[in-house]
N, C-alpha and C. Protein backbone atom coordinates (compact mmCIF):
# COMPACT_ATOMS: atom_id res chain seq x y z
N MET A 1 36.72 16.14 10.67
CA MET A 1 35.52 15.58 11.29
C MET A 1 34.25 16.29 10.76
N SER A 2 34.31 17.57 10.58
CA SER A 2 33.14 18.31 10.10
C SER A 2 32.83 17.89 8.65
N THR A 3 33.83 17.53 7.86
CA THR A 3 33.59 17.13 6.50
C THR A 3 32.82 15.80 6.46
N ASN A 4 33.10 14.91 7.43
CA ASN A 4 32.40 13.66 7.54
C ASN A 4 30.89 13.92 7.82
N ARG A 5 30.60 14.83 8.70
CA ARG A 5 29.22 15.16 9.05
C ARG A 5 28.51 15.73 7.85
N ALA A 6 29.21 16.60 7.08
CA ALA A 6 28.62 17.17 5.87
C ALA A 6 28.31 16.07 4.86
N ALA A 7 29.21 15.12 4.77
CA ALA A 7 28.98 14.03 3.76
C ALA A 7 27.76 13.21 4.19
N LYS A 8 27.60 12.99 5.50
CA LYS A 8 26.45 12.21 5.95
C LYS A 8 25.15 12.94 5.62
N SER A 9 25.16 14.26 5.85
CA SER A 9 23.89 14.99 5.52
C SER A 9 23.64 14.97 4.05
N GLY A 10 24.75 14.97 3.23
CA GLY A 10 24.55 14.86 1.76
C GLY A 10 23.94 13.53 1.40
N TYR A 11 24.36 12.45 2.06
CA TYR A 11 23.77 11.16 1.78
C TYR A 11 22.31 11.14 2.21
N ALA A 12 22.02 11.71 3.36
CA ALA A 12 20.66 11.78 3.86
C ALA A 12 19.79 12.56 2.90
N LEU A 13 20.32 13.65 2.42
CA LEU A 13 19.52 14.41 1.42
C LEU A 13 19.26 13.62 0.15
N GLU A 14 20.28 12.91 -0.28
CA GLU A 14 20.10 12.08 -1.49
C GLU A 14 19.09 10.99 -1.27
N ALA A 15 19.15 10.36 -0.10
CA ALA A 15 18.16 9.32 0.26
C ALA A 15 16.73 9.91 0.31
N GLN A 16 16.59 11.05 0.88
CA GLN A 16 15.30 11.71 0.94
C GLN A 16 14.78 12.06 -0.45
N ARG A 17 15.69 12.53 -1.32
CA ARG A 17 15.30 12.85 -2.69
C ARG A 17 14.78 11.58 -3.42
N LYS A 18 15.49 10.48 -3.16
CA LYS A 18 15.11 9.23 -3.80
C LYS A 18 13.71 8.78 -3.34
N ILE A 19 13.45 8.90 -2.02
CA ILE A 19 12.11 8.55 -1.49
C ILE A 19 11.05 9.48 -2.08
N ASN A 20 11.33 10.80 -2.10
CA ASN A 20 10.39 11.76 -2.61
C ASN A 20 10.11 11.55 -4.10
N SER A 21 11.06 11.00 -4.88
CA SER A 21 10.87 10.82 -6.30
C SER A 21 9.77 9.78 -6.61
N LYS A 22 9.41 8.93 -5.65
CA LYS A 22 8.38 7.91 -5.85
C LYS A 22 6.96 8.51 -5.65
N TYR A 23 6.92 9.68 -5.03
CA TYR A 23 5.63 10.33 -4.72
C TYR A 23 4.89 10.73 -6.01
N SER A 24 3.58 10.44 -6.08
CA SER A 24 2.82 10.78 -7.26
C SER A 24 1.76 11.80 -6.91
N ASP A 25 1.82 12.98 -7.51
CA ASP A 25 0.85 14.05 -7.30
C ASP A 25 -0.57 13.57 -7.68
N GLU A 26 -0.67 12.77 -8.78
CA GLU A 26 -1.97 12.32 -9.22
C GLU A 26 -2.64 11.37 -8.24
N LEU A 27 -1.87 10.41 -7.70
CA LEU A 27 -2.40 9.50 -6.71
C LEU A 27 -2.80 10.21 -5.39
N ALA A 28 -1.91 11.19 -5.01
CA ALA A 28 -2.19 11.95 -3.81
C ALA A 28 -3.51 12.78 -3.99
N ASN A 29 -3.64 13.34 -5.19
CA ASN A 29 -4.86 14.10 -5.48
C ASN A 29 -6.10 13.19 -5.45
N GLU A 30 -5.94 11.97 -6.01
CA GLU A 30 -7.06 11.01 -5.99
C GLU A 30 -7.43 10.67 -4.53
N CYS A 31 -6.45 10.52 -3.68
CA CYS A 31 -6.68 10.18 -2.25
C CYS A 31 -7.41 11.32 -1.56
N LEU A 32 -6.95 12.54 -1.76
CA LEU A 32 -7.59 13.71 -1.13
C LEU A 32 -9.00 13.93 -1.64
N GLU A 33 -9.22 13.72 -2.94
CA GLU A 33 -10.59 13.86 -3.52
C GLU A 33 -11.48 12.82 -2.83
N TRP A 34 -10.99 11.59 -2.70
CA TRP A 34 -11.77 10.52 -2.10
C TRP A 34 -12.11 10.83 -0.65
N ILE A 35 -11.11 11.36 0.10
CA ILE A 35 -11.33 11.74 1.50
C ILE A 35 -12.37 12.83 1.60
N LYS A 36 -12.31 13.81 0.71
CA LYS A 36 -13.24 14.91 0.70
C LYS A 36 -14.67 14.39 0.41
N GLU A 37 -14.74 13.48 -0.56
CA GLU A 37 -16.07 12.89 -0.92
C GLU A 37 -16.66 12.08 0.27
N ILE A 38 -15.84 11.29 0.91
CA ILE A 38 -16.32 10.41 1.96
C ILE A 38 -16.68 11.20 3.24
N THR A 39 -15.79 12.11 3.63
CA THR A 39 -15.98 12.86 4.91
C THR A 39 -16.87 14.09 4.77
N GLY A 40 -16.86 14.70 3.59
CA GLY A 40 -17.60 15.93 3.40
C GLY A 40 -16.85 17.13 3.97
N GLU A 41 -15.59 16.93 4.36
CA GLU A 41 -14.75 18.00 4.89
C GLU A 41 -14.25 18.91 3.73
N PRO A 42 -14.29 20.22 3.95
CA PRO A 42 -13.83 21.13 2.89
C PRO A 42 -12.32 21.26 2.88
N ILE A 43 -11.63 20.28 2.27
CA ILE A 43 -10.18 20.28 2.23
C ILE A 43 -9.68 20.63 0.84
N ASN A 44 -8.43 21.14 0.81
CA ASN A 44 -7.81 21.42 -0.50
C ASN A 44 -7.33 20.10 -1.03
N THR A 45 -7.73 19.74 -2.25
CA THR A 45 -7.40 18.42 -2.78
C THR A 45 -6.24 18.42 -3.77
N SER A 46 -5.46 19.51 -3.78
CA SER A 46 -4.29 19.55 -4.63
C SER A 46 -3.30 18.45 -4.19
N GLY A 47 -2.78 17.72 -5.18
CA GLY A 47 -1.93 16.58 -4.85
C GLY A 47 -0.45 16.90 -4.64
N ASP A 48 -0.12 18.23 -4.70
CA ASP A 48 1.29 18.53 -4.49
C ASP A 48 1.70 18.18 -3.08
N MET A 49 2.97 17.87 -2.91
CA MET A 49 3.46 17.33 -1.64
C MET A 49 3.20 18.25 -0.45
N ASP A 50 3.41 19.54 -0.64
CA ASP A 50 3.18 20.51 0.49
C ASP A 50 1.77 20.50 0.95
N ASN A 51 0.81 20.52 0.02
CA ASN A 51 -0.59 20.54 0.41
C ASN A 51 -1.02 19.21 1.07
N PHE A 52 -0.57 18.13 0.44
CA PHE A 52 -0.92 16.79 1.02
C PHE A 52 -0.44 16.69 2.46
N TYR A 53 0.75 17.14 2.69
CA TYR A 53 1.30 17.13 4.06
C TYR A 53 0.47 18.05 4.98
N GLU A 54 0.20 19.22 4.56
CA GLU A 54 -0.54 20.20 5.41
C GLU A 54 -1.94 19.69 5.75
N VAL A 55 -2.62 19.10 4.82
CA VAL A 55 -4.01 18.59 5.04
C VAL A 55 -4.00 17.43 6.06
N LEU A 56 -3.01 16.55 5.97
CA LEU A 56 -3.02 15.31 6.75
C LEU A 56 -2.15 15.30 7.99
N LYS A 57 -1.22 16.24 8.15
CA LYS A 57 -0.17 16.09 9.16
C LYS A 57 -0.66 15.96 10.61
N ASP A 58 -1.79 16.56 10.96
CA ASP A 58 -2.26 16.48 12.36
C ASP A 58 -3.10 15.27 12.61
N GLY A 59 -3.47 14.49 11.56
CA GLY A 59 -4.20 13.25 11.70
C GLY A 59 -5.71 13.42 11.90
N VAL A 60 -6.19 14.64 12.04
CA VAL A 60 -7.61 14.84 12.35
C VAL A 60 -8.45 14.33 11.14
N ILE A 61 -8.11 14.72 9.94
CA ILE A 61 -8.85 14.30 8.77
C ILE A 61 -8.82 12.77 8.64
N LEU A 62 -7.69 12.18 8.92
CA LEU A 62 -7.57 10.69 8.85
C LEU A 62 -8.52 10.01 9.87
N CYS A 63 -8.58 10.62 11.08
CA CYS A 63 -9.49 10.00 12.08
C CYS A 63 -10.95 10.17 11.64
N LYS A 64 -11.29 11.34 11.09
CA LYS A 64 -12.65 11.56 10.64
C LYS A 64 -12.99 10.56 9.49
N LEU A 65 -12.01 10.27 8.64
CA LEU A 65 -12.20 9.31 7.58
C LEU A 65 -12.54 7.96 8.15
N VAL A 66 -11.78 7.52 9.15
CA VAL A 66 -12.07 6.23 9.78
C VAL A 66 -13.44 6.18 10.40
N ASN A 67 -13.81 7.28 11.11
CA ASN A 67 -15.13 7.30 11.75
C ASN A 67 -16.27 7.42 10.71
N THR A 68 -15.98 7.87 9.54
CA THR A 68 -17.00 7.88 8.47
C THR A 68 -17.19 6.48 7.93
N LEU A 69 -16.08 5.74 7.84
CA LEU A 69 -16.21 4.32 7.37
C LEU A 69 -16.92 3.40 8.43
N GLU A 70 -16.55 3.64 9.69
CA GLU A 70 -17.19 2.88 10.76
C GLU A 70 -17.38 3.83 11.94
N ALA A 71 -18.63 4.19 12.16
CA ALA A 71 -18.98 5.20 13.20
C ALA A 71 -18.43 4.82 14.55
N GLY A 72 -17.78 5.80 15.18
CA GLY A 72 -17.29 5.61 16.55
C GLY A 72 -16.04 4.74 16.67
N LYS A 73 -15.39 4.42 15.57
CA LYS A 73 -14.19 3.54 15.65
C LYS A 73 -13.10 4.23 16.41
N ILE A 74 -12.88 5.49 16.21
CA ILE A 74 -11.87 6.25 16.99
C ILE A 74 -12.65 7.11 17.98
N LYS A 75 -12.51 6.83 19.24
CA LYS A 75 -13.33 7.47 20.27
C LYS A 75 -13.01 8.97 20.42
N LYS A 76 -11.73 9.27 20.50
CA LYS A 76 -11.33 10.68 20.78
C LYS A 76 -10.35 11.17 19.71
N ILE A 77 -10.79 12.21 18.98
CA ILE A 77 -9.95 12.82 17.99
C ILE A 77 -9.33 14.10 18.65
N ASN A 78 -8.00 14.15 18.67
CA ASN A 78 -7.34 15.28 19.32
C ASN A 78 -7.25 16.45 18.35
N GLU A 79 -7.93 17.52 18.68
CA GLU A 79 -7.91 18.72 17.82
C GLU A 79 -6.68 19.59 18.11
N SER A 80 -5.96 19.29 19.19
CA SER A 80 -4.79 20.04 19.62
C SER A 80 -3.68 19.92 18.56
N LYS A 81 -2.88 20.95 18.41
CA LYS A 81 -1.78 20.94 17.47
C LYS A 81 -0.45 20.52 18.11
N MET A 82 -0.54 20.02 19.37
CA MET A 82 0.68 19.57 20.05
C MET A 82 1.15 18.28 19.36
N ALA A 83 2.49 18.16 19.26
CA ALA A 83 3.07 17.05 18.48
C ALA A 83 2.58 15.70 18.92
N PHE A 84 2.59 15.42 20.22
CA PHE A 84 2.21 14.06 20.64
C PHE A 84 0.73 13.80 20.45
N LYS A 85 -0.10 14.83 20.48
CA LYS A 85 -1.53 14.63 20.26
C LYS A 85 -1.79 14.33 18.78
N CYS A 86 -1.07 15.05 17.88
CA CYS A 86 -1.21 14.76 16.44
C CYS A 86 -0.72 13.36 16.10
N MET A 87 0.42 12.97 16.72
CA MET A 87 0.95 11.64 16.44
C MET A 87 0.04 10.54 16.98
N GLU A 88 -0.68 10.88 18.06
CA GLU A 88 -1.66 9.95 18.61
C GLU A 88 -2.80 9.73 17.58
N ASN A 89 -3.26 10.83 16.95
CA ASN A 89 -4.30 10.71 15.91
C ASN A 89 -3.81 9.82 14.77
N ILE A 90 -2.61 10.02 14.31
CA ILE A 90 -2.02 9.28 13.20
C ILE A 90 -1.92 7.81 13.57
N SER A 91 -1.50 7.54 14.82
CA SER A 91 -1.38 6.15 15.30
C SER A 91 -2.77 5.49 15.37
N ALA A 92 -3.79 6.25 15.84
CA ALA A 92 -5.12 5.67 15.89
C ALA A 92 -5.65 5.35 14.48
N PHE A 93 -5.31 6.20 13.49
CA PHE A 93 -5.70 5.95 12.14
C PHE A 93 -5.03 4.66 11.64
N LEU A 94 -3.75 4.51 11.90
CA LEU A 94 -3.01 3.31 11.46
C LEU A 94 -3.54 2.04 12.06
N GLU A 95 -3.87 2.07 13.31
CA GLU A 95 -4.41 0.86 13.99
C GLU A 95 -5.77 0.52 13.34
N SER A 96 -6.59 1.54 13.09
CA SER A 96 -7.91 1.30 12.47
C SER A 96 -7.74 0.73 11.04
N ALA A 97 -6.80 1.29 10.30
CA ALA A 97 -6.56 0.84 8.98
C ALA A 97 -6.19 -0.65 8.92
N LYS A 98 -5.33 -1.02 9.86
CA LYS A 98 -4.95 -2.44 9.95
C LYS A 98 -6.17 -3.28 10.32
N GLY A 99 -7.01 -2.76 11.18
CA GLY A 99 -8.25 -3.45 11.58
C GLY A 99 -9.22 -3.62 10.43
N PHE A 100 -9.17 -2.69 9.51
CA PHE A 100 -10.03 -2.71 8.32
C PHE A 100 -9.51 -3.72 7.26
N GLY A 101 -8.29 -4.22 7.48
CA GLY A 101 -7.73 -5.18 6.56
C GLY A 101 -6.63 -4.65 5.65
N VAL A 102 -6.14 -3.43 5.91
CA VAL A 102 -5.00 -2.92 5.14
C VAL A 102 -3.74 -3.73 5.55
N PRO A 103 -3.08 -4.35 4.62
CA PRO A 103 -1.91 -5.14 4.99
C PRO A 103 -0.81 -4.32 5.66
N VAL A 104 -0.12 -4.86 6.56
CA VAL A 104 0.90 -4.12 7.33
C VAL A 104 1.96 -3.52 6.39
N GLN A 105 2.31 -4.23 5.32
CA GLN A 105 3.32 -3.73 4.40
C GLN A 105 2.81 -2.51 3.59
N GLU A 106 1.51 -2.27 3.61
CA GLU A 106 0.95 -1.10 2.90
C GLU A 106 0.63 0.05 3.85
N THR A 107 0.99 -0.09 5.12
CA THR A 107 0.78 1.04 6.07
C THR A 107 2.09 1.82 6.12
N PHE A 108 2.12 2.81 7.00
CA PHE A 108 3.30 3.67 7.13
C PHE A 108 3.58 3.85 8.61
N GLN A 109 4.74 4.39 8.90
CA GLN A 109 5.11 4.74 10.28
C GLN A 109 4.57 6.14 10.58
N THR A 110 4.24 6.39 11.82
CA THR A 110 3.72 7.68 12.23
C THR A 110 4.64 8.81 11.77
N VAL A 111 5.96 8.64 11.92
CA VAL A 111 6.92 9.68 11.57
C VAL A 111 6.99 9.89 10.05
N ASP A 112 6.58 8.91 9.24
CA ASP A 112 6.56 9.13 7.79
C ASP A 112 5.68 10.28 7.42
N LEU A 113 4.60 10.45 8.16
CA LEU A 113 3.67 11.57 7.90
C LEU A 113 4.07 12.80 8.77
N TRP A 114 4.17 12.59 10.08
CA TRP A 114 4.40 13.67 11.01
C TRP A 114 5.70 14.46 10.66
N GLU A 115 6.78 13.71 10.36
CA GLU A 115 8.03 14.38 10.09
C GLU A 115 8.28 14.47 8.58
N ARG A 116 7.24 14.14 7.80
CA ARG A 116 7.32 14.26 6.34
C ARG A 116 8.47 13.46 5.71
N GLN A 117 8.70 12.26 6.26
CA GLN A 117 9.82 11.44 5.81
C GLN A 117 9.46 10.63 4.56
N ASN A 118 8.23 10.14 4.47
CA ASN A 118 7.91 9.29 3.33
C ASN A 118 6.38 9.44 3.05
N LEU A 119 6.02 10.52 2.33
CA LEU A 119 4.63 10.76 2.02
C LEU A 119 4.09 9.75 1.00
N ASN A 120 4.99 9.13 0.21
CA ASN A 120 4.54 8.09 -0.73
C ASN A 120 3.91 6.94 0.02
N SER A 121 4.47 6.54 1.16
CA SER A 121 3.90 5.41 1.91
C SER A 121 2.53 5.79 2.47
N VAL A 122 2.31 7.09 2.75
CA VAL A 122 0.96 7.51 3.19
C VAL A 122 -0.05 7.36 2.04
N VAL A 123 0.39 7.73 0.86
CA VAL A 123 -0.46 7.57 -0.32
C VAL A 123 -0.81 6.12 -0.55
N ILE A 124 0.16 5.23 -0.43
CA ILE A 124 -0.04 3.80 -0.62
C ILE A 124 -1.07 3.30 0.42
N CYS A 125 -0.94 3.71 1.65
CA CYS A 125 -1.85 3.29 2.70
C CYS A 125 -3.27 3.74 2.38
N LEU A 126 -3.42 5.02 1.96
CA LEU A 126 -4.73 5.55 1.66
C LEU A 126 -5.36 4.84 0.46
N GLN A 127 -4.55 4.53 -0.53
CA GLN A 127 -5.01 3.80 -1.71
C GLN A 127 -5.50 2.39 -1.28
N SER A 128 -4.80 1.74 -0.42
CA SER A 128 -5.16 0.48 0.09
C SER A 128 -6.49 0.53 0.89
N LEU A 129 -6.60 1.54 1.74
CA LEU A 129 -7.83 1.70 2.50
C LEU A 129 -8.98 2.02 1.56
N GLY A 130 -8.74 2.80 0.47
CA GLY A 130 -9.70 3.14 -0.48
C GLY A 130 -10.28 1.90 -1.23
N ARG A 131 -9.45 0.90 -1.39
CA ARG A 131 -9.94 -0.35 -2.01
C ARG A 131 -10.85 -1.14 -1.03
N LYS A 132 -10.69 -0.89 0.27
CA LYS A 132 -11.52 -1.59 1.28
C LYS A 132 -12.87 -0.86 1.50
N ALA A 133 -13.01 0.37 1.03
CA ALA A 133 -14.20 1.14 1.33
C ALA A 133 -15.47 0.52 0.86
N HIS A 134 -15.41 -0.28 -0.18
CA HIS A 134 -16.61 -0.96 -0.68
C HIS A 134 -17.21 -1.86 0.40
N ASN A 135 -16.35 -2.40 1.28
CA ASN A 135 -16.82 -3.27 2.34
C ASN A 135 -17.72 -2.53 3.38
N PHE A 136 -17.65 -1.20 3.34
CA PHE A 136 -18.42 -0.39 4.25
C PHE A 136 -19.57 0.36 3.56
N GLY A 137 -19.81 -0.02 2.33
CA GLY A 137 -20.87 0.66 1.55
C GLY A 137 -20.53 2.07 1.09
N LYS A 138 -19.24 2.37 1.03
CA LYS A 138 -18.80 3.71 0.60
C LYS A 138 -18.11 3.58 -0.75
N PRO A 139 -18.05 4.66 -1.49
CA PRO A 139 -17.29 4.62 -2.77
C PRO A 139 -15.79 4.46 -2.50
N GLY A 140 -15.13 3.71 -3.32
CA GLY A 140 -13.71 3.45 -3.12
C GLY A 140 -12.88 4.08 -4.23
N ILE A 141 -11.58 3.86 -4.11
CA ILE A 141 -10.64 4.32 -5.18
C ILE A 141 -9.76 3.18 -5.57
N GLY A 142 -9.13 3.31 -6.72
CA GLY A 142 -8.22 2.29 -7.19
C GLY A 142 -8.93 1.10 -7.73
N PRO A 143 -8.18 0.12 -8.12
CA PRO A 143 -8.72 -1.11 -8.70
C PRO A 143 -9.51 -1.92 -7.66
N LYS A 144 -10.55 -2.56 -8.09
CA LYS A 144 -11.35 -3.39 -7.19
C LYS A 144 -10.54 -4.59 -6.75
N GLU A 145 -10.63 -4.92 -5.47
CA GLU A 145 -9.94 -6.09 -4.97
C GLU A 145 -10.50 -7.37 -5.49
N ALA A 146 -9.64 -8.35 -5.66
CA ALA A 146 -10.10 -9.66 -6.10
C ALA A 146 -10.90 -10.33 -5.01
N GLU A 147 -11.89 -11.11 -5.39
CA GLU A 147 -12.73 -11.84 -4.43
C GLU A 147 -12.23 -13.30 -4.38
N LYS A 148 -12.50 -13.96 -3.24
CA LYS A 148 -12.14 -15.37 -3.11
C LYS A 148 -12.90 -16.16 -4.13
N ASN A 149 -12.22 -17.17 -4.62
CA ASN A 149 -12.81 -18.13 -5.56
C ASN A 149 -12.47 -19.52 -5.05
N VAL A 150 -13.20 -19.96 -4.04
CA VAL A 150 -12.91 -21.25 -3.39
C VAL A 150 -13.47 -22.38 -4.28
N ARG A 151 -12.67 -23.36 -4.47
CA ARG A 151 -13.10 -24.52 -5.28
C ARG A 151 -13.17 -25.75 -4.36
N ASN A 152 -14.25 -26.44 -4.46
CA ASN A 152 -14.42 -27.68 -3.65
C ASN A 152 -14.51 -28.85 -4.61
N PHE A 153 -13.57 -29.80 -4.44
CA PHE A 153 -13.54 -30.98 -5.25
C PHE A 153 -14.04 -32.18 -4.45
N SER A 154 -14.76 -33.05 -5.14
CA SER A 154 -15.25 -34.30 -4.50
C SER A 154 -14.07 -35.30 -4.39
N GLU A 155 -14.22 -36.29 -3.55
CA GLU A 155 -13.20 -37.34 -3.45
C GLU A 155 -12.93 -38.00 -4.75
N GLU A 156 -14.01 -38.19 -5.53
CA GLU A 156 -13.93 -38.83 -6.83
C GLU A 156 -13.05 -38.01 -7.78
N GLN A 157 -13.24 -36.66 -7.77
CA GLN A 157 -12.43 -35.79 -8.64
C GLN A 157 -10.99 -35.80 -8.20
N LEU A 158 -10.75 -35.80 -6.92
CA LEU A 158 -9.36 -35.83 -6.41
C LEU A 158 -8.65 -37.12 -6.78
N LYS A 159 -9.34 -38.25 -6.70
CA LYS A 159 -8.76 -39.55 -7.06
C LYS A 159 -8.50 -39.63 -8.55
N ALA A 160 -9.35 -39.07 -9.37
CA ALA A 160 -9.18 -39.07 -10.80
C ALA A 160 -7.90 -38.33 -11.20
N GLY A 161 -7.61 -37.28 -10.45
CA GLY A 161 -6.43 -36.44 -10.75
C GLY A 161 -5.11 -37.20 -10.40
N GLN A 162 -5.17 -38.23 -9.55
CA GLN A 162 -3.99 -38.93 -9.16
C GLN A 162 -3.45 -39.83 -10.27
N ASN A 163 -4.33 -40.18 -11.23
CA ASN A 163 -3.93 -41.07 -12.33
C ASN A 163 -3.29 -40.37 -13.51
N VAL A 164 -3.34 -39.03 -13.50
CA VAL A 164 -2.78 -38.23 -14.58
C VAL A 164 -1.27 -38.08 -14.40
N ILE A 165 -0.51 -38.42 -15.41
CA ILE A 165 0.95 -38.25 -15.36
C ILE A 165 1.29 -36.98 -16.06
N SER A 166 1.81 -36.05 -15.31
CA SER A 166 2.14 -34.75 -15.87
C SER A 166 3.56 -34.81 -16.49
N LEU A 167 3.85 -33.93 -17.41
CA LEU A 167 5.19 -33.84 -18.00
C LEU A 167 6.22 -33.50 -16.91
N GLN A 168 5.73 -32.93 -15.80
CA GLN A 168 6.65 -32.56 -14.75
C GLN A 168 7.18 -33.77 -14.00
N TYR A 169 6.55 -34.89 -14.17
CA TYR A 169 6.96 -36.11 -13.45
C TYR A 169 8.00 -36.91 -14.20
N GLY A 170 8.56 -36.43 -15.26
CA GLY A 170 9.65 -37.13 -15.96
C GLY A 170 9.27 -37.75 -17.28
N SER A 171 8.01 -37.87 -17.56
CA SER A 171 7.63 -38.44 -18.87
C SER A 171 7.81 -37.33 -19.90
N ASN A 172 8.46 -37.69 -20.96
CA ASN A 172 8.62 -36.65 -22.03
C ASN A 172 7.92 -37.09 -23.31
N LYS A 173 7.11 -38.13 -23.21
CA LYS A 173 6.31 -38.60 -24.31
C LYS A 173 7.08 -38.87 -25.60
N GLY A 174 8.29 -39.44 -25.39
CA GLY A 174 9.09 -39.76 -26.54
C GLY A 174 9.95 -38.69 -27.10
N ALA A 175 9.92 -37.52 -26.59
CA ALA A 175 10.74 -36.43 -27.09
C ALA A 175 12.21 -36.68 -26.72
N THR A 176 13.10 -36.33 -27.61
CA THR A 176 14.55 -36.48 -27.31
C THR A 176 15.24 -35.14 -27.64
N GLN A 177 16.53 -35.12 -27.30
CA GLN A 177 17.29 -33.91 -27.59
C GLN A 177 18.13 -34.08 -28.84
N SER A 178 17.86 -35.13 -29.59
CA SER A 178 18.69 -35.33 -30.78
C SER A 178 18.38 -34.21 -31.79
N GLY A 179 19.37 -33.78 -32.47
CA GLY A 179 19.19 -32.75 -33.48
C GLY A 179 19.31 -31.35 -32.92
N ILE A 180 19.51 -31.22 -31.60
CA ILE A 180 19.63 -29.88 -31.03
C ILE A 180 21.10 -29.52 -30.94
N ASN A 181 21.48 -28.49 -31.64
CA ASN A 181 22.83 -27.96 -31.56
C ASN A 181 22.79 -26.59 -30.92
N PHE A 182 23.56 -26.45 -29.90
CA PHE A 182 23.56 -25.14 -29.24
C PHE A 182 25.03 -24.66 -29.26
N GLY A 183 25.27 -23.53 -29.82
CA GLY A 183 26.64 -23.00 -29.86
C GLY A 183 27.48 -23.70 -30.91
N ASN A 184 28.72 -23.59 -30.80
CA ASN A 184 29.65 -24.12 -31.79
C ASN A 184 29.91 -25.61 -31.44
N THR A 185 30.02 -26.46 -32.50
CA THR A 185 30.22 -27.87 -32.29
C THR A 185 31.71 -28.07 -31.96
N ARG A 186 32.02 -29.18 -31.29
CA ARG A 186 33.40 -29.47 -30.90
C ARG A 186 34.04 -30.33 -31.98
N HIS A 187 35.09 -29.86 -32.55
CA HIS A 187 35.83 -30.63 -33.61
C HIS A 187 36.95 -31.40 -32.99
N MET A 188 37.06 -32.67 -33.32
CA MET A 188 38.16 -33.48 -32.77
C MET A 188 39.08 -33.92 -33.83
């Protein structure tokens, strides 16, 4: 029975190694540099995993980042180091990020940061939020988001398009498959 438990912890360690392998020091460094620039907080911007975790784990910097983007968005930032207070900060950040338009699939779970389970997902969330910063008149990070390109067609243009027969509708404009040999021919 104890060997089974040991095997499970081995699998868990392997899974954690796989998750950690996706983490990028460069992207984490970019995120921390951006946070420092936006908030003006004197934080260590080294992108290594240990520093990234130490800077963000209590959620205080994340809440200050949100309040810098939109003043007063998070009413109370818990400075306490008690676990549930820190997790409350992280949750407040996540709710605000979703409110700013960060897609749910680009956010992270509170435990991903607090218990250091998946710091890569934290980096992804910050990168996504960084792309939204332009909406608040702040410098952003990462590639600029695409803008909507709405096209309005008149009734006349829509009707003109109905008369066009596409090749997808079965017309092959006289093309045939004669002369196409694929593979070996069958000898009878």
